[in-house]
Protein backbone atom coordinates (compact mmCIF):
# COMPACT_ATOMS: atom_id res chain seq x y z
CA MET A 1 44.10 77.22 78.26
CA PRO A 2 43.68 77.47 82.05
CA ASP A 3 42.53 73.85 82.41
CA TYR A 4 45.21 72.39 80.14
CA LEU A 5 46.96 69.33 81.56
CA ALA A 6 50.67 69.45 80.74
CA ARG A 7 51.99 66.61 78.59
CA LEU A 8 55.42 65.02 78.63
CA VAL A 9 56.10 66.11 75.04
CA ASP A 10 55.38 69.81 75.64
CA GLY A 11 58.90 70.91 76.53
CA VAL A 12 60.56 68.87 73.81
CA ALA A 13 58.07 70.05 71.17
CA THR A 14 58.67 73.71 72.09
CA GLU A 15 62.44 73.22 72.00
CA LEU A 16 62.39 71.45 68.63
CA LEU A 17 60.14 74.02 66.99
CA SER A 18 62.46 76.81 68.17
CA GLU A 19 65.27 75.19 66.15
CA LEU A 20 63.54 73.43 63.26
CA PRO A 21 61.21 74.58 60.47
CA ALA A 22 58.72 71.71 60.87
CA LEU A 23 57.68 69.22 63.52
CA LEU A 24 55.48 66.14 63.13
CA LEU A 25 53.57 65.02 66.21
CA ASP A 26 52.00 61.61 65.72
CA GLY A 27 49.96 59.32 67.90
CA PRO A 28 46.64 57.46 68.00
CA ARG A 29 43.45 59.38 67.34
CA ALA A 30 42.12 61.27 70.40
CA CYS A 31 45.34 61.05 72.42
CA GLY A 32 45.52 64.85 72.74
CA LYS A 33 47.83 65.80 69.85
CA THR A 34 45.69 68.66 68.56
CA THR A 35 45.24 70.24 71.97
CA SER A 36 48.97 70.17 72.68
CA ALA A 37 50.04 71.23 69.17
CA ALA A 38 47.55 74.12 69.06
CA ARG A 39 49.42 75.76 71.92
CA LEU A 40 52.42 76.10 69.58
CA ALA A 41 50.51 77.54 66.61
CA ARG A 42 49.05 80.83 65.49
CA THR A 43 47.02 79.27 62.68
CA VAL A 44 45.15 75.98 63.02
CA VAL A 45 44.00 74.08 59.92
CA ARG A 46 41.85 71.00 60.60
CA LEU A 47 42.37 68.87 57.53
CA ASP A 48 39.82 66.31 58.72
CA ARG A 49 37.14 68.98 58.25
CA PRO A 50 35.91 69.32 54.64
CA ALA A 51 35.73 73.12 54.81
CA ASP A 52 39.38 73.39 55.90
CA ALA A 53 40.58 70.63 53.58
CA MET A 54 39.02 71.88 50.33
CA ALA A 55 41.70 74.45 49.44
CA PHE A 56 44.53 72.09 50.37
CA GLN A 57 43.08 69.34 48.19
CA ALA A 58 42.83 71.74 45.25
CA ASP A 59 46.24 73.45 45.59
CA PRO A 60 48.18 72.76 48.82
CA ASP A 61 51.09 75.08 47.90
CA ALA A 62 48.79 78.03 47.36
CA ALA A 63 46.77 77.21 50.48
CA LEU A 64 49.89 77.38 52.65
CA ARG A 65 50.97 80.79 51.42
CA GLY A 66 50.04 83.77 53.54
CA LEU A 67 49.08 81.83 56.69
CA GLU A 68 50.36 83.26 59.95
CA GLU A 69 53.07 80.97 61.30
CA PRO A 70 53.54 78.66 63.07
CA VAL A 71 50.81 76.79 61.20
CA LEU A 72 49.25 73.65 62.64
CA LEU A 73 48.17 71.20 59.95
CA ASP A 74 46.04 68.81 61.94
CA GLU A 75 45.46 65.21 60.75
CA TRP A 76 47.70 65.48 57.68
CA GLN A 77 46.67 62.01 56.47
CA ALA A 78 43.28 63.41 55.42
CA VAL A 79 45.08 65.40 52.69
CA PRO A 80 48.44 63.66 52.22
CA GLU A 81 49.38 66.07 49.42
CA VAL A 82 50.06 68.65 52.12
CA LEU A 83 53.31 66.86 53.00
CA GLY A 84 54.82 67.67 49.63
CA ALA A 85 53.70 71.28 49.96
CA VAL A 86 55.39 71.55 53.37
CA LYS A 87 58.58 70.04 51.92
CA ARG A 88 58.67 72.55 49.09
CA SER A 89 57.92 75.45 51.44
CA VAL A 90 60.69 74.41 53.83
CA ASP A 91 63.11 73.94 50.95
CA ARG A 92 62.48 77.54 49.95
CA ASP A 93 62.61 78.93 53.49
CA ALA A 94 64.10 76.87 56.33
CA ARG A 95 63.38 79.31 59.15
CA ALA A 96 62.59 77.69 62.49
CA GLY A 97 59.05 77.43 63.78
CA ARG A 98 57.02 77.36 60.57
CA TYR A 99 54.89 74.21 60.68
CA VAL A 100 53.51 71.68 63.14
CA LEU A 101 51.80 68.63 61.69
CA THR A 102 49.81 66.04 63.57
CA GLY A 103 48.67 62.66 62.35
CA SER A 104 46.96 59.47 63.47
CA VAL A 105 48.83 57.13 61.15
CA ARG A 106 52.50 56.30 60.81
CA ALA A 107 54.11 58.96 58.65
CA ASP A 108 56.17 56.37 56.77
CA LEU A 109 53.02 54.49 55.76
CA GLN A 110 53.66 55.65 52.19
CA ALA A 111 57.42 55.25 52.48
CA GLN A 112 58.09 55.18 48.74
CA THR A 113 56.68 58.66 48.30
CA TRP A 114 57.33 60.07 51.78
CA PRO A 115 58.77 63.58 51.26
CA GLY A 116 59.44 64.47 54.88
CA THR A 117 62.84 62.89 55.44
CA GLY A 118 65.24 65.57 56.60
CA ARG A 119 62.49 68.20 56.71
CA LEU A 120 60.12 66.92 59.39
CA VAL A 121 61.30 65.67 62.77
CA ARG A 122 58.90 63.17 64.28
CA LEU A 123 57.90 63.28 67.95
CA PRO A 124 55.66 60.41 69.05
CA MET A 125 52.86 61.05 71.52
CA GLY A 126 50.69 58.49 73.25
CA PRO A 127 47.68 58.49 75.54
CA MET A 128 48.11 60.23 78.89
CA THR A 129 50.18 58.68 81.64
CA VAL A 130 48.88 58.70 85.21
CA GLY A 131 51.35 61.48 86.01
CA GLU A 132 49.94 63.60 83.20
CA ARG A 133 46.35 62.88 84.26
CA THR A 134 47.06 63.94 87.85
CA GLY A 135 49.57 66.72 87.21
CA ARG A 136 52.31 64.76 88.98
CA ALA A 137 54.55 63.78 86.07
CA THR A 138 58.18 63.38 87.12
CA ARG A 139 61.45 63.10 85.26
CA PRO A 140 61.57 59.90 83.18
CA VAL A 141 62.36 56.93 85.39
CA VAL A 142 65.13 55.66 83.09
CA ASP A 143 66.89 59.02 83.39
CA ARG A 144 66.56 58.89 87.16
CA LEU A 145 67.95 55.38 87.41
CA ALA A 146 70.77 56.01 84.92
CA GLU A 147 71.90 58.93 87.08
CA GLY A 148 71.92 56.78 90.22
CA GLU A 149 68.75 58.18 91.76
CA SER A 150 66.81 55.91 94.07
CA LEU A 151 63.09 55.30 93.76
CA GLY A 152 61.08 56.11 96.84
CA PRO A 153 58.05 54.50 98.45
CA ALA A 154 54.50 55.36 97.48
CA SER A 155 53.23 58.60 98.98
CA GLU A 156 49.65 57.62 98.19
CA PRO A 157 49.61 53.80 98.29
CA CYS A 158 47.70 51.89 95.64
CA ASP A 159 46.68 48.27 95.98
CA LEU A 160 46.37 45.74 93.18
CA ARG A 161 42.76 46.66 92.39
CA ASP A 162 43.68 50.35 92.22
CA TYR A 163 46.36 49.66 89.63
CA VAL A 164 44.01 47.57 87.50
CA GLU A 165 41.40 50.32 87.58
CA LEU A 166 44.02 52.95 86.68
CA ALA A 167 45.10 50.85 83.72
CA LEU A 168 41.59 50.17 82.40
CA ARG A 169 40.60 53.81 82.94
CA SER A 170 42.59 54.51 79.76
CA GLY A 171 44.87 57.41 78.93
CA PHE A 172 42.76 58.85 76.12
CA PRO A 173 41.80 62.29 77.51
CA PRO A 174 38.08 62.12 76.65
CA ALA A 175 37.82 58.82 78.52
CA THR A 176 40.19 59.24 81.44
CA LEU A 177 38.74 62.61 82.45
CA MET A 178 35.20 61.21 82.71
CA SER A 179 33.90 60.66 86.24
CA ASN A 180 31.24 58.18 85.14
CA ASP A 181 32.52 54.62 84.63
CA SER A 182 29.65 53.63 82.36
CA ALA A 183 30.16 56.64 80.10
CA ARG A 184 33.88 55.88 79.91
CA GLU A 185 33.26 52.27 78.91
CA ARG A 186 30.81 53.37 76.23
CA TRP A 187 33.35 55.88 74.89
CA LEU A 188 36.04 53.18 74.66
CA THR A 189 33.64 50.80 72.94
CA SER A 190 32.76 53.52 70.44
CA TYR A 191 36.44 54.28 69.89
CA VAL A 192 37.17 50.67 68.93
CA GLU A 193 34.06 50.60 66.71
CA GLN A 194 35.19 53.69 64.80
CA LEU A 195 38.73 52.39 64.62
CA ILE A 196 37.57 49.20 62.92
CA THR A 197 34.77 50.53 60.73
CA ARG A 198 36.11 53.95 59.75
CA ASP A 199 39.80 54.57 60.41
CA ALA A 200 40.99 51.15 59.26
CA LEU A 201 38.86 51.25 56.11
CA ASP A 202 40.16 54.73 55.29
CA LEU A 203 43.58 53.14 54.90
CA GLU A 204 42.59 49.80 53.39
CA GLU A 205 39.09 49.61 51.98
CA SER A 206 39.29 45.89 51.23
CA ARG A 207 39.48 44.80 54.86
CA ASP A 208 36.55 42.87 56.39
CA PRO A 209 35.49 44.80 59.54
CA ALA A 210 34.00 41.71 61.24
CA ARG A 211 37.19 39.69 60.92
CA LEU A 212 39.41 42.67 61.73
CA ARG A 213 37.36 43.14 64.91
CA LYS A 214 37.90 39.50 65.90
CA TYR A 215 41.61 39.85 65.22
CA PHE A 216 41.81 42.99 67.37
CA GLU A 217 39.91 41.28 70.19
CA ALA A 218 42.36 38.36 70.11
CA TYR A 219 45.29 40.78 70.04
CA ALA A 220 43.89 42.71 73.01
CA LEU A 221 43.39 39.55 75.09
CA ASN A 222 46.99 38.57 74.35
CA THR A 223 48.56 41.94 75.06
CA ALA A 224 52.01 41.68 76.69
CA GLY A 225 52.45 38.25 75.18
CA ILE A 226 54.82 36.44 72.86
CA VAL A 227 51.89 34.74 71.26
CA GLU A 228 51.94 32.36 68.32
CA ASP A 229 50.68 34.01 65.15
CA LYS A 230 48.40 31.02 64.67
CA THR A 231 46.55 31.88 67.89
CA LEU A 232 45.55 35.24 66.48
CA PHE A 233 44.69 34.33 62.92
CA GLU A 234 42.65 31.29 63.94
CA ALA A 235 40.69 33.44 66.41
CA ALA A 236 39.90 35.85 63.59
CA GLY A 237 39.12 33.13 61.06
CA VAL A 238 41.72 34.38 58.58
CA ASN A 239 44.95 33.02 57.14
CA ARG A 240 48.47 33.96 58.16
CA LYS A 241 48.92 36.48 55.33
CA THR A 242 45.71 38.33 56.16
CA ALA A 243 46.56 38.37 59.87
CA ALA A 244 49.95 39.92 59.11
CA ALA A 245 48.18 42.60 57.05
CA TYR A 246 45.77 43.25 59.96
CA GLU A 247 48.68 43.69 62.36
CA ARG A 248 50.42 46.13 60.01
CA LEU A 249 47.17 48.06 59.67
CA LEU A 250 46.66 48.35 63.45
CA THR A 251 50.32 49.30 63.88
CA ASN A 252 49.97 52.01 61.24
CA LEU A 253 46.92 53.31 63.13
CA LEU A 254 49.18 53.56 66.21
CA VAL A 255 46.93 51.51 68.51
CA VAL A 256 49.24 48.50 68.83
CA GLU A 257 53.01 48.34 69.02
CA ALA A 258 55.36 45.40 69.26
CA LEU A 259 58.21 45.55 71.77
CA PRO A 260 61.22 44.10 69.92
CA ALA A 261 63.44 41.41 71.39
CA TRP A 262 66.84 42.53 72.64
CA SER A 263 70.00 40.95 71.33
CA SER A 264 73.56 40.94 72.62
CA ASN A 265 76.74 39.10 71.76
CA ARG A 266 77.24 38.56 75.49
CA LEU A 267 74.16 36.38 75.78
CA LYS A 268 73.25 33.23 73.91
CA ARG A 269 70.00 31.59 72.88
CA LEU A 270 67.84 34.73 73.00
CA THR A 271 64.47 34.64 71.28
CA ALA A 272 63.98 37.08 68.43
CA ARG A 273 60.20 37.27 68.64
CA PRO A 274 58.61 40.56 69.73
CA LYS A 275 56.04 41.08 72.46
CA ARG A 276 52.75 42.52 71.29
CA HIS A 277 51.21 45.38 73.30
CA LEU A 278 48.15 47.59 73.15
CA VAL A 279 49.28 51.21 73.32
CA ASP A 280 46.51 51.81 75.87
CA VAL A 281 45.11 49.07 78.10
CA GLY A 282 41.72 50.77 78.12
CA LEU A 283 41.30 49.44 74.58
CA LEU A 284 40.94 45.99 76.14
CA THR A 285 37.70 47.21 77.71
CA GLY A 286 36.62 48.80 74.43
CA ALA A 287 37.33 45.64 72.43
CA THR A 288 36.02 42.97 74.81
CA GLY A 289 33.95 44.63 77.54
CA ILE A 290 36.28 43.27 80.22
CA ASP A 291 36.26 45.26 83.46
CA ALA A 292 38.43 45.37 86.58
CA GLY A 293 36.39 42.65 88.30
CA THR A 294 37.01 40.24 85.43
CA VAL A 295 40.73 41.02 85.36
CA MET A 296 41.05 40.47 89.11
CA LYS A 297 39.66 36.94 88.68
CA SER A 298 42.17 35.99 85.98
CA GLY A 299 45.84 35.60 86.87
CA ASP A 300 46.76 35.61 83.20
CA LEU A 301 44.88 38.81 82.35
CA LEU A 302 46.09 40.46 85.55
CA GLY A 303 49.74 40.12 84.56
CA ARG A 304 49.06 41.24 81.00
CA VAL A 305 47.15 44.35 82.06
CA LEU A 306 49.80 45.48 84.53
CA GLU A 307 52.66 44.86 82.11
CA SER A 308 51.09 46.71 79.17
CA PHE A 309 50.13 49.54 81.56
CA VAL A 310 53.76 49.97 82.61
CA VAL A 311 55.10 49.58 79.06
CA ALA A 312 52.77 52.35 77.85
CA HIS A 313 54.17 54.64 80.56
CA LEU A 314 57.79 53.82 79.73
CA ARG A 315 57.12 54.30 76.01
CA ALA A 316 55.69 57.77 76.66
CA GLU A 317 58.76 58.69 78.70
CA ALA A 318 61.19 57.25 76.16
CA ALA A 319 60.05 59.83 73.60
CA VAL A 320 61.27 62.69 75.79
CA ALA A 321 63.95 61.17 78.05
CA LYS A 322 67.38 62.77 78.10
CA SER A 323 69.00 59.32 77.94
CA ARG A 324 67.02 58.49 74.75
CA PRO A 325 66.38 54.87 75.69
CA ARG A 326 65.33 52.19 73.27
CA LEU A 327 62.86 49.73 74.73
CA TYR A 328 63.02 45.96 74.31
CA HIS A 329 62.04 42.77 76.06
CA LEU A 330 64.40 39.87 76.70
CA ARG A 331 63.63 36.18 76.70
CA THR A 332 65.87 33.17 76.38
CA GLU A 333 64.81 29.99 74.63
CA GLN A 334 62.05 28.12 76.44
CA GLY A 335 61.60 31.11 78.74
CA ARG A 336 64.28 30.17 81.27
CA GLN A 337 65.05 33.87 81.76
CA GLU A 338 62.72 36.70 80.89
CA ILE A 339 62.88 40.46 81.42
CA ASP A 340 59.65 42.39 80.82
CA VAL A 341 61.27 45.66 79.70
CA LEU A 342 64.89 46.43 78.96
CA ALA A 343 65.82 50.05 78.28
CA GLU A 344 69.09 50.37 76.37
CA ILE A 345 70.86 53.73 76.48
CA GLY A 346 74.21 54.97 75.17
CA ALA A 347 77.22 52.62 74.96
CA GLY A 348 75.06 49.54 75.39
CA ARG A 349 74.15 50.25 79.01
CA VAL A 350 70.83 48.94 80.23
CA VAL A 351 68.14 49.54 82.84
CA ALA A 352 65.81 46.57 83.29
CA PHE A 353 62.29 46.21 84.70
CA GLU A 354 60.20 43.32 85.94
CA ILE A 355 56.49 43.96 86.58
CA LYS A 356 54.94 41.78 89.27
CA ALA A 357 51.39 41.49 90.59
CA THR A 358 52.60 41.12 94.17
CA SER A 359 52.76 43.53 97.09
CA SER A 360 55.77 41.88 98.77
CA PRO A 361 58.51 40.88 96.32
CA GLU A 362 61.44 38.85 97.62
CA ALA A 363 65.00 38.37 96.40
CA SER A 364 63.88 35.35 94.37
CA THR A 365 61.43 37.57 92.49
CA ALA A 366 64.44 39.34 90.96
CA ARG A 367 66.36 36.22 89.93
CA HIS A 368 66.17 37.07 86.22
CA LEU A 369 67.43 40.59 86.90
CA THR A 370 70.26 39.10 88.95
CA TRP A 371 71.13 36.80 86.05
CA LEU A 372 71.21 39.75 83.65
CA ARG A 373 73.32 41.88 86.01
CA ASP A 374 75.89 39.12 86.39
CA ALA A 375 75.97 38.51 82.64
CA LEU A 376 76.39 42.16 81.64
CA GLY A 377 78.60 43.42 84.45
CA GLU A 378 79.08 47.19 84.45
CA ARG A 379 76.78 47.63 81.46
CA PHE A 380 73.90 46.81 83.82
CA LEU A 381 73.07 50.13 85.48
CA ALA A 382 69.99 49.20 87.47
CA GLY A 383 67.19 46.69 87.76
CA VAL A 384 63.78 47.33 89.29
CA VAL A 385 60.99 45.00 90.34
CA LEU A 386 57.87 47.13 90.00
CA HIS A 387 55.24 45.78 92.38
CA THR A 388 51.81 46.62 93.78
CA GLY A 389 52.83 47.25 97.39
CA PRO A 390 53.76 50.62 98.98
CA SER A 391 57.42 50.07 99.87
CA SER A 392 60.74 50.62 98.13
CA PHE A 393 63.77 48.59 99.20
CA GLU A 394 67.00 47.05 97.96
CA LEU A 395 66.90 43.44 96.87
CA SER A 396 70.57 43.07 95.92
CA GLU A 397 73.37 45.08 94.36
CA ARG A 398 71.92 47.50 91.76
CA ILE A 399 68.52 45.82 92.02
CA THR A 400 65.62 47.35 93.94
CA ALA A 401 61.93 46.79 94.49
CA ALA A 402 59.67 49.82 94.07
CA PRO A 403 55.92 50.44 93.79
CA ILE A 404 54.53 50.93 90.29
CA SER A 405 53.42 54.40 91.41
CA CYS A 406 57.07 55.51 91.59
CA LEU A 407 56.76 55.99 87.83
CA TRP A 408 54.68 59.11 88.39
CA GLU A 409 55.50 60.16 91.95
């Protein structure tokens, strides 16, 4: 594939498949799973195609036999019986490198009957980061900071508008690689339409597409927020129970993901409520039609877009980082202190990030990071104020300011 754009998961996927009999690569539809997984396989079975699926629906164990390995079973959720067949095959023969599965729903969706535990290792994959789009992906930033590496200035400076456009451009390969803005916006609109009217109903036929659409629109507009549940279910015209079911459905489709609240016995009065995020900020355009010009005119949307953009990047890196960070947000009661992203690594050590829509952060901009550093002591490895200017500089001990572009430069 001479024009293949390398993905962050490539190296880890190759390493895992060299040691394990089966690997599950999951992520939202159209994020590039099939293209990446096909590079690992000798046989590709597209289970979302009726011609490929027919034999596996009739007798998945027989259909697996005799295929040249590694075998890619793409979109397993179209024929969920294939999971049991893979389990039985691996139980009989646990050689490394036999199966790669991809899916666009959470594999534990059917947890009571899920047969993959201990047989399939999951590797999450999201839409493309800017580094992947441009071929400039670097080592994960949490790894760099945990090892004491400094973050440099921007080599190709971006201003605030540039960052907003990068975020709304989306990381879904079919969209982000388009040169025509209008075509990209139409693709994103179509993606959301199919998500609501086809993918969601494939999982739960009883859902009302019109109300689910309104719920998703409200969710998108409140991305990066600790929003009251009432705000979302009233916007959709549904009750609390239905709204909770909608959120589970969208989470299972891997298009939204809540960032859990961090807890520590060293800190008191921390909120336990998660922050809701779109996995790709381009979905905001697809759901609402909002463009960069609209975002630039709204201080509230501006902060939300930048924060979810950065969180999506950090989530993609967390899946492959050597330090294996777990991502959280931190907020004390009444919002007196708030940290946008806190990455916890081994032994309770943390790296913390604040995302600011400013090109010239000052020491006061990092006051919440300073509070966290002083509260945690040596467990606080580094804090970074990610901003929209070109410069990188120290704000105080173990706390720096760096351009958002340092994530991929």
